Amino acid sequence: MSNEFAMVRFGKVNMGNGERLLIQSSGGDQVFLDPTILEAIAQLGHEDLSRLIVAVTEL
């Protein structure tokens, strides 16, 4: 998936303790998310999600 600002790849990865969603940036950064984390992120409101994104980008 890409636009004029970024490109990311998505995939499903089978790991020893279940499936994970892989999100990988064109720069090589990647994250594996399990279903519990995906559900928690999906339930966040706009303001909470914005704060989470800011906190992660500051790491």
PDB file of N, CA and C in Angstrom:
ATOM      1  N   MET A   1       0.855  -1.148   0.000  1.00  0.00           N
ATOM      2  CA  MET A   1       0.000   0.000   0.000  1.00  0.00           C
ATOM      3  C   MET A   1       0.912   1.224   0.000  1.00  0.00           C
ATOM      4  N   SER A   2       0.606   2.186  -0.839  1.00  0.00           N
ATOM      5  CA  SER A   2       1.454   3.369  -0.878  1.00  0.00           C
ATOM      6  C   SER A   2       0.656   4.588  -1.326  1.00  0.00           C
ATOM      7  N   ASN A   3       1.216   5.732  -1.013  1.00  0.00           N
ATOM      8  CA  ASN A   3       0.729   7.002  -1.539  1.00  0.00           C
ATOM      9  C   ASN A   3       1.944   7.888  -1.745  1.00  0.00           C
ATOM     10  N   GLU A   4       1.743   9.171  -1.927  1.00  0.00           N
ATOM     11  CA  GLU A   4       2.885  10.053  -2.191  1.00  0.00           C
ATOM     12  C   GLU A   4       3.783  10.266  -0.978  1.00  0.00           C
ATOM     13  N   PHE A   5       3.351   9.832   0.213  1.00  0.00           N
ATOM     14  CA  PHE A   5       4.119  10.058   1.435  1.00  0.00           C
ATOM     15  C   PHE A   5       4.817   8.824   1.982  1.00  0.00           C
ATOM     16  N   ALA A   6       4.272   7.654   1.736  1.00  0.00           N
ATOM     17  CA  ALA A   6       4.823   6.449   2.361  1.00  0.00           C
ATOM     18  C   ALA A   6       4.417   5.197   1.596  1.00  0.00           C
ATOM     19  N   MET A   7       5.147   4.119   1.891  1.00  0.00           N
ATOM     20  CA  MET A   7       4.802   2.818   1.351  1.00  0.00           C
ATOM     21  C   MET A   7       4.974   1.793   2.471  1.00  0.00           C
ATOM     22  N   VAL A   8       3.969   0.961   2.669  1.00  0.00           N
ATOM     23  CA  VAL A   8       4.049  -0.116   3.650  1.00  0.00           C
ATOM     24  C   VAL A   8       3.573  -1.408   3.010  1.00  0.00           C
ATOM     25  N   ARG A   9       4.067  -2.498   3.546  1.00  0.00           N
ATOM     26  CA  ARG A   9       3.650  -3.828   3.112  1.00  0.00           C
ATOM     27  C   ARG A   9       2.982  -4.519   4.285  1.00  0.00           C
ATOM     28  N   PHE A  10       1.967  -5.285   3.975  1.00  0.00           N
ATOM     29  CA  PHE A  10       1.243  -6.051   4.974  1.00  0.00           C
ATOM     30  C   PHE A  10       1.369  -7.523   4.653  1.00  0.00           C
ATOM     31  N   GLY A  11       1.396  -8.334   5.670  1.00  0.00           N
ATOM     32  CA  GLY A  11       1.407  -9.771   5.460  1.00  0.00           C
ATOM     33  C   GLY A  11       1.004 -10.499   6.727  1.00  0.00           C
ATOM     34  N   LYS A  12       0.668 -11.764   6.567  1.00  0.00           N
ATOM     35  CA  LYS A  12       0.330 -12.607   7.701  1.00  0.00           C
ATOM     36  C   LYS A  12       1.488 -13.573   7.911  1.00  0.00           C
ATOM     37  N   VAL A  13       1.957 -13.670   9.153  1.00  0.00           N
ATOM     38  CA  VAL A  13       3.099 -14.514   9.477  1.00  0.00           C
ATOM     39  C   VAL A  13       2.674 -15.534  10.529  1.00  0.00           C
ATOM     40  N   ASN A  14       2.982 -16.786  10.283  1.00  0.00           N
ATOM     41  CA  ASN A  14       2.734 -17.834  11.276  1.00  0.00           C
ATOM     42  C   ASN A  14       3.944 -17.931  12.189  1.00  0.00           C
ATOM     43  N   MET A  15       3.705 -17.728  13.474  1.00  0.00           N
ATOM     44  CA  MET A  15       4.773 -17.810  14.458  1.00  0.00           C
ATOM     45  C   MET A  15       4.463 -18.978  15.400  1.00  0.00           C
ATOM     46  N   GLY A  16       5.372 -19.297  16.268  1.00  0.00           N
ATOM     47  CA  GLY A  16       5.205 -20.422  17.176  1.00  0.00           C
ATOM     48  C   GLY A  16       3.970 -20.342  18.054  1.00  0.00           C
ATOM     49  N   ASN A  17       3.550 -19.121  18.389  1.00  0.00           N
ATOM     50  CA  ASN A  17       2.396 -18.963  19.276  1.00  0.00           C
ATOM     51  C   ASN A  17       1.196 -18.324  18.569  1.00  0.00           C
ATOM     52  N   GLY A  18       1.083 -18.516  17.260  1.00  0.00           N
ATOM     53  CA  GLY A  18      -0.072 -18.035  16.516  1.00  0.00           C
ATOM     54  C   GLY A  18       0.292 -17.112  15.367  1.00  0.00           C
ATOM     55  N   GLU A  19      -0.733 -16.678  14.660  1.00  0.00           N
ATOM     56  CA  GLU A  19      -0.537 -15.789  13.516  1.00  0.00           C
ATOM     57  C   GLU A  19      -0.378 -14.349  13.969  1.00  0.00           C
ATOM     58  N   ARG A  20       0.378 -13.597  13.194  1.00  0.00           N
ATOM     59  CA  ARG A  20       0.611 -12.176  13.459  1.00  0.00           C
ATOM     60  C   ARG A  20       0.446 -11.399  12.156  1.00  0.00           C
ATOM     61  N   LEU A  21       0.006 -10.162  12.281  1.00  0.00           N
ATOM     62  CA  LEU A  21      -0.022  -9.250  11.152  1.00  0.00           C
ATOM     63  C   LEU A  21       1.338  -8.574  11.091  1.00  0.00           C
ATOM     64  N   LEU A  22       1.992  -8.652   9.957  1.00  0.00           N
ATOM     65  CA  LEU A  22       3.280  -7.985   9.749  1.00  0.00           C
ATOM     66  C   LEU A  22       3.022  -6.703   8.977  1.00  0.00           C
ATOM     67  N   ILE A  23       3.513  -5.596   9.504  1.00  0.00           N
ATOM     68  CA  ILE A  23       3.479  -4.312   8.804  1.00  0.00           C
ATOM     69  C   ILE A  23       4.922  -3.873   8.665  1.00  0.00           C
ATOM     70  N   GLN A  24       5.348  -3.627   7.419  1.00  0.00           N
ATOM     71  CA  GLN A  24       6.753  -3.290   7.144  1.00  0.00           C
ATOM     72  C   GLN A  24       6.807  -2.027   6.292  1.00  0.00           C
ATOM     73  N   SER A  25       7.644  -1.077   6.727  1.00  0.00           N
ATOM     74  CA  SER A  25       7.807   0.169   5.972  1.00  0.00           C
ATOM     75  C   SER A  25       8.854  -0.009   4.885  1.00  0.00           C
ATOM     76  N   SER A  26       8.862   0.911   3.943  1.00  0.00           N
ATOM     77  CA  SER A  26       9.861   0.857   2.866  1.00  0.00           C
ATOM     78  C   SER A  26      11.262   1.077   3.416  1.00  0.00           C
ATOM     79  N   GLY A  27      11.385   1.688   4.596  1.00  0.00           N
ATOM     80  CA  GLY A  27      12.679   1.901   5.228  1.00  0.00           C
ATOM     81  C   GLY A  27      13.198   0.693   5.979  1.00  0.00           C
ATOM     82  N   GLY A  28      12.389  -0.367   6.061  1.00  0.00           N
ATOM     83  CA  GLY A  28      12.837  -1.584   6.716  1.00  0.00           C
ATOM     84  C   GLY A  28      12.301  -1.780   8.125  1.00  0.00           C
ATOM     85  N   ASP A  29      11.659  -0.762   8.696  1.00  0.00           N
ATOM     86  CA  ASP A  29      11.054  -0.939  10.019  1.00  0.00           C
ATOM     87  C   ASP A  29       9.884  -1.895   9.907  1.00  0.00           C
ATOM     88  N   GLN A  30       9.694  -2.726  10.920  1.00  0.00           N
ATOM     89  CA  GLN A  30       8.583  -3.656  10.878  1.00  0.00           C
ATOM     90  C   GLN A  30       8.028  -3.908  12.262  1.00  0.00           C
ATOM     91  N   VAL A  31       6.774  -4.322  12.290  1.00  0.00           N
ATOM     92  CA  VAL A  31       6.106  -4.655  13.550  1.00  0.00           C
ATOM     93  C   VAL A  31       5.223  -5.869  13.301  1.00  0.00           C
ATOM     94  N   PHE A  32       5.142  -6.743  14.310  1.00  0.00           N
ATOM     95  CA  PHE A  32       4.264  -7.901  14.288  1.00  0.00           C
ATOM     96  C   PHE A  32       3.179  -7.655  15.331  1.00  0.00           C
ATOM     97  N   LEU A  33       1.928  -7.699  14.924  1.00  0.00           N
ATOM     98  CA  LEU A  33       0.823  -7.454  15.847  1.00  0.00           C
ATOM     99  C   LEU A  33      -0.029  -8.705  15.991  1.00  0.00           C
ATOM    100  N   ASP A  34      -0.306  -9.091  17.246  1.00  0.00           N
ATOM    101  CA  ASP A  34      -1.167 -10.250  17.462  1.00  0.00           C
ATOM    102  C   ASP A  34      -2.625  -9.794  17.515  1.00  0.00           C
ATOM    103  N   PRO A  35      -3.576 -10.726  17.428  1.00  0.00           N
ATOM    104  CA  PRO A  35      -4.989 -10.355  17.390  1.00  0.00           C
ATOM    105  C   PRO A  35      -5.448  -9.528  18.586  1.00  0.00           C
ATOM    106  N   THR A  36      -4.910  -9.779  19.771  1.00  0.00           N
ATOM    107  CA  THR A  36      -5.309  -9.022  20.958  1.00  0.00           C
ATOM    108  C   THR A  36      -4.926  -7.553  20.823  1.00  0.00           C
ATOM    109  N   ILE A  37      -3.728  -7.296  20.332  1.00  0.00           N
ATOM    110  CA  ILE A  37      -3.268  -5.916  20.132  1.00  0.00           C
ATOM    111  C   ILE A  37      -4.090  -5.236  19.040  1.00  0.00           C
ATOM    112  N   LEU A  38      -4.364  -5.953  17.955  1.00  0.00           N
ATOM    113  CA  LEU A  38      -5.173  -5.384  16.878  1.00  0.00           C
ATOM    114  C   LEU A  38      -6.564  -4.993  17.381  1.00  0.00           C
ATOM    115  N   GLU A  39      -7.162  -5.849  18.194  1.00  0.00           N
ATOM    116  CA  GLU A  39      -8.481  -5.535  18.743  1.00  0.00           C
ATOM    117  C   GLU A  39      -8.432  -4.304  19.636  1.00  0.00           C
ATOM    118  N   ALA A  40      -7.393  -4.200  20.465  1.00  0.00           N
ATOM    119  CA  ALA A  40      -7.260  -3.038  21.351  1.00  0.00           C
ATOM    120  C   ALA A  40      -7.084  -1.753  20.551  1.00  0.00           C
ATOM    121  N   ILE A  41      -6.276  -1.803  19.501  1.00  0.00           N
ATOM    122  CA  ILE A  41      -6.067  -0.618  18.659  1.00  0.00           C
ATOM    123  C   ILE A  41      -7.363  -0.222  17.957  1.00  0.00           C
ATOM    124  N   ALA A  42      -8.101  -1.223  17.475  1.00  0.00           N
ATOM    125  CA  ALA A  42      -9.356  -0.956  16.763  1.00  0.00           C
ATOM    126  C   ALA A  42     -10.397  -0.295  17.661  1.00  0.00           C
ATOM    127  N   GLN A  43     -10.322  -0.514  18.961  1.00  0.00           N
ATOM    128  CA  GLN A  43     -11.307   0.044  19.876  1.00  0.00           C
ATOM    129  C   GLN A  43     -10.934   1.428  20.404  1.00  0.00           C
ATOM    130  N   LEU A  44      -9.744   1.918  20.064  1.00  0.00           N
ATOM    131  CA  LEU A  44      -9.322   3.237  20.527  1.00  0.00           C
ATOM    132  C   LEU A  44     -10.103   4.334  19.829  1.00  0.00           C
ATOM    133  N   GLY A  45     -10.389   5.375  20.563  1.00  0.00           N
ATOM    134  CA  GLY A  45     -10.985   6.557  19.967  1.00  0.00           C
ATOM    135  C   GLY A  45      -9.919   7.382  19.253  1.00  0.00           C
ATOM    136  N   HIS A  46     -10.353   8.365  18.496  1.00  0.00           N
ATOM    137  CA  HIS A  46      -9.453   9.186  17.695  1.00  0.00           C
ATOM    138  C   HIS A  46      -8.356   9.840  18.550  1.00  0.00           C
ATOM    139  N   GLU A  47      -8.738  10.440  19.675  1.00  0.00           N
ATOM    140  CA  GLU A  47      -7.749  11.135  20.509  1.00  0.00           C
ATOM    141  C   GLU A  47      -6.740  10.167  21.122  1.00  0.00           C
ATOM    142  N   ASP A  48      -7.214   9.031  21.607  1.00  0.00           N
ATOM    143  CA  ASP A  48      -6.302   8.045  22.194  1.00  0.00           C
ATOM    144  C   ASP A  48      -5.356   7.467  21.142  1.00  0.00           C
ATOM    145  N   LEU A  49      -5.878   7.199  19.948  1.00  0.00           N
ATOM    146  CA  LEU A  49      -5.033   6.681  18.873  1.00  0.00           C
ATOM    147  C   LEU A  49      -3.978   7.715  18.483  1.00  0.00           C
ATOM    148  N   SER A  50      -4.358   8.980  18.412  1.00  0.00           N
ATOM    149  CA  SER A  50      -3.398  10.041  18.098  1.00  0.00           C
ATOM    150  C   SER A  50      -2.287  10.113  19.142  1.00  0.00           C
ATOM    151  N   ARG A  51      -2.643  10.028  20.424  1.00  0.00           N
ATOM    152  CA  ARG A  51      -1.631  10.045  21.484  1.00  0.00           C
ATOM    153  C   ARG A  51      -0.708   8.833  21.391  1.00  0.00           C
ATOM    154  N   LEU A  52      -1.268   7.683  21.062  1.00  0.00           N
ATOM    155  CA  LEU A  52      -0.457   6.471  20.919  1.00  0.00           C
ATOM    156  C   LEU A  52       0.550   6.631  19.775  1.00  0.00           C
ATOM    157  N   ILE A  53       0.097   7.145  18.665  1.00  0.00           N
ATOM    158  CA  ILE A  53       1.000   7.339  17.513  1.00  0.00           C
ATOM    159  C   ILE A  53       2.106   8.321  17.861  1.00  0.00           C
ATOM    160  N   VAL A  54       1.779   9.409  18.533  1.00  0.00           N
ATOM    161  CA  VAL A  54       2.800  10.380  18.930  1.00  0.00           C
ATOM    162  C   VAL A  54       3.795   9.731  19.879  1.00  0.00           C
ATOM    163  N   ALA A  55       3.313   8.972  20.849  1.00  0.00           N
ATOM    164  CA  ALA A  55       4.204   8.324  21.810  1.00  0.00           C
ATOM    165  C   ALA A  55       5.139   7.338  21.123  1.00  0.00           C
ATOM    166  N   VAL A  56       4.642   6.577  20.169  1.00  0.00           N
ATOM    167  CA  VAL A  56       5.471   5.589  19.477  1.00  0.00           C
ATOM    168  C   VAL A  56       6.503   6.273  18.611  1.00  0.00           C
ATOM    169  N   THR A  57       6.144   7.340  17.935  1.00  0.00           N
ATOM    170  CA  THR A  57       7.087   8.021  17.055  1.00  0.00           C
ATOM    171  C   THR A  57       8.175   8.739  17.845  1.00  0.00           C
ATOM    172  N   GLU A  58       7.955   9.004  19.115  1.00  0.00           N
ATOM    173  CA  GLU A  58       8.964   9.658  19.950  1.00  0.00           C
ATOM    174  C   GLU A  58       9.966   8.689  20.533  1.00  0.00           C
ATOM    175  N   LEU A  59       9.750   7.381  20.363  1.00  0.00           N
ATOM    176  CA  LEU A  59      10.693   6.388  20.906  1.00  0.00           C
ATOM    177  C   LEU A  59      12.017   6.400  20.201  1.00  0.00           C
TER     178      LEU A  59
END
